[in-house]
Amino acid sequence: MFTASGGINVGVRYTLDLWFVTIYINIQVGATLFLQGPPFQGVCHVNFWVFGFDIAFGPSDAVESPAPIQLLEFYRLTL
């Protein structure tokens, strides 16, 4: 079983000077990808300046989530 995730954000800023008026334009687009498998499946979250949405792909019920662990077991695994 594997899991992977990553993301990217891209932004553009432009300043428009018109005589006595200055207009600032700022636009950002980002995407975060989460993958897991087998079988291969995941979710891509696309984020625009004022809204975002998810795109799911692959079978949604094929991979079970790992069983939760106790706090002491987490400490043993990470420390």
Protein backbone atom coordinates (compact mmCIF):
# COMPACT_ATOMS: atom_id res chain seq x y z
CA MET A 1 0.00 0.00 0.00
CA PHE A 2 1.26 3.50 -0.74
CA THR A 3 0.18 7.09 -0.16
CA ALA A 4 1.64 10.26 -1.62
CA SER A 5 0.68 13.90 -1.76
CA GLY A 6 2.01 17.13 -3.19
CA GLY A 7 0.92 20.52 -4.35
CA ILE A 8 1.77 23.65 -6.29
CA ASN A 9 0.61 27.28 -6.23
CA VAL A 10 1.18 29.85 -8.97
CA GLY A 11 0.46 33.55 -8.62
CA VAL A 12 0.57 36.60 -10.87
CA ARG A 13 0.46 40.22 -9.75
CA TYR A 14 0.14 43.24 -12.02
CA THR A 15 0.04 46.94 -11.17
CA LEU A 16 -1.70 49.25 -13.64
CA ASP A 17 -1.03 52.99 -13.25
CA LEU A 18 -3.52 55.27 -15.00
CA TRP A 19 -2.86 58.95 -14.29
CA PHE A 20 -4.26 59.39 -10.74
CA VAL A 21 -5.54 55.82 -10.32
CA THR A 22 -3.58 52.66 -9.50
CA ILE A 23 -5.19 49.25 -10.03
CA TYR A 24 -3.69 46.11 -8.47
CA ILE A 25 -4.52 42.75 -10.05
CA ASN A 26 -3.56 39.59 -8.15
CA ILE A 27 -4.52 36.07 -9.34
CA GLN A 28 -3.56 32.74 -7.76
CA VAL A 29 -4.17 29.17 -8.90
CA GLY A 30 -3.17 26.07 -6.94
CA ALA A 31 -3.58 22.31 -6.96
CA THR A 32 -3.00 19.61 -4.36
CA LEU A 33 -2.83 15.94 -5.34
CA PHE A 34 -3.37 13.00 -2.96
CA LEU A 35 -2.67 9.46 -4.28
CA GLN A 36 -3.06 6.04 -2.69
CA GLY A 37 -3.21 2.43 -3.76
CA PRO A 38 -3.31 -0.26 -4.84
CA PRO A 39 -5.59 0.03 -6.69
CA PHE A 40 -4.57 3.46 -7.90
CA GLN A 41 -6.93 6.24 -6.74
CA GLY A 42 -6.83 9.79 -5.47
CA VAL A 43 -8.20 13.29 -5.26
CA CYS A 44 -6.98 16.51 -6.88
CA HIS A 45 -8.09 19.74 -5.18
CA VAL A 46 -7.96 22.75 -7.52
CA ASN A 47 -8.03 26.14 -5.82
CA PHE A 48 -8.70 29.39 -7.67
CA TRP A 49 -8.60 32.86 -6.17
CA VAL A 50 -12.17 32.80 -4.78
CA PHE A 51 -13.30 29.15 -5.07
CA GLY A 52 -12.04 25.57 -5.23
CA PHE A 53 -13.23 22.10 -6.16
CA ASP A 54 -12.20 18.42 -5.90
CA ILE A 55 -11.69 15.91 -8.71
CA ALA A 56 -11.74 12.30 -7.49
CA PHE A 57 -10.47 9.45 -9.67
CA GLY A 58 -10.16 5.71 -9.32
CA PRO A 59 -12.37 3.43 -7.24
CA SER A 60 -13.52 5.29 -4.14
CA ASP A 61 -14.06 2.27 -1.89
CA ALA A 62 -11.14 0.06 -2.93
CA VAL A 63 -8.56 1.08 -0.33
CA GLU A 64 -9.46 1.00 3.33
CA SER A 65 -8.10 3.66 5.62
CA PRO A 66 -5.45 2.44 8.05
CA ALA A 67 -6.68 1.55 11.50
CA PRO A 68 -6.25 4.34 14.05
CA ILE A 69 -3.44 3.95 16.57
CA GLN A 70 -3.13 5.00 20.19
CA LEU A 71 -1.08 8.05 21.17
CA LEU A 72 1.68 5.98 22.85
CA GLU A 73 2.08 3.84 19.73
CA PHE A 74 2.39 7.03 17.65
CA TYR A 75 5.16 8.25 19.97
CA ARG A 76 7.01 4.92 19.62
CA LEU A 77 6.83 5.14 15.83
CA THR A 78 7.97 8.74 15.54
CA LEU A 79 10.42 9.31 18.41
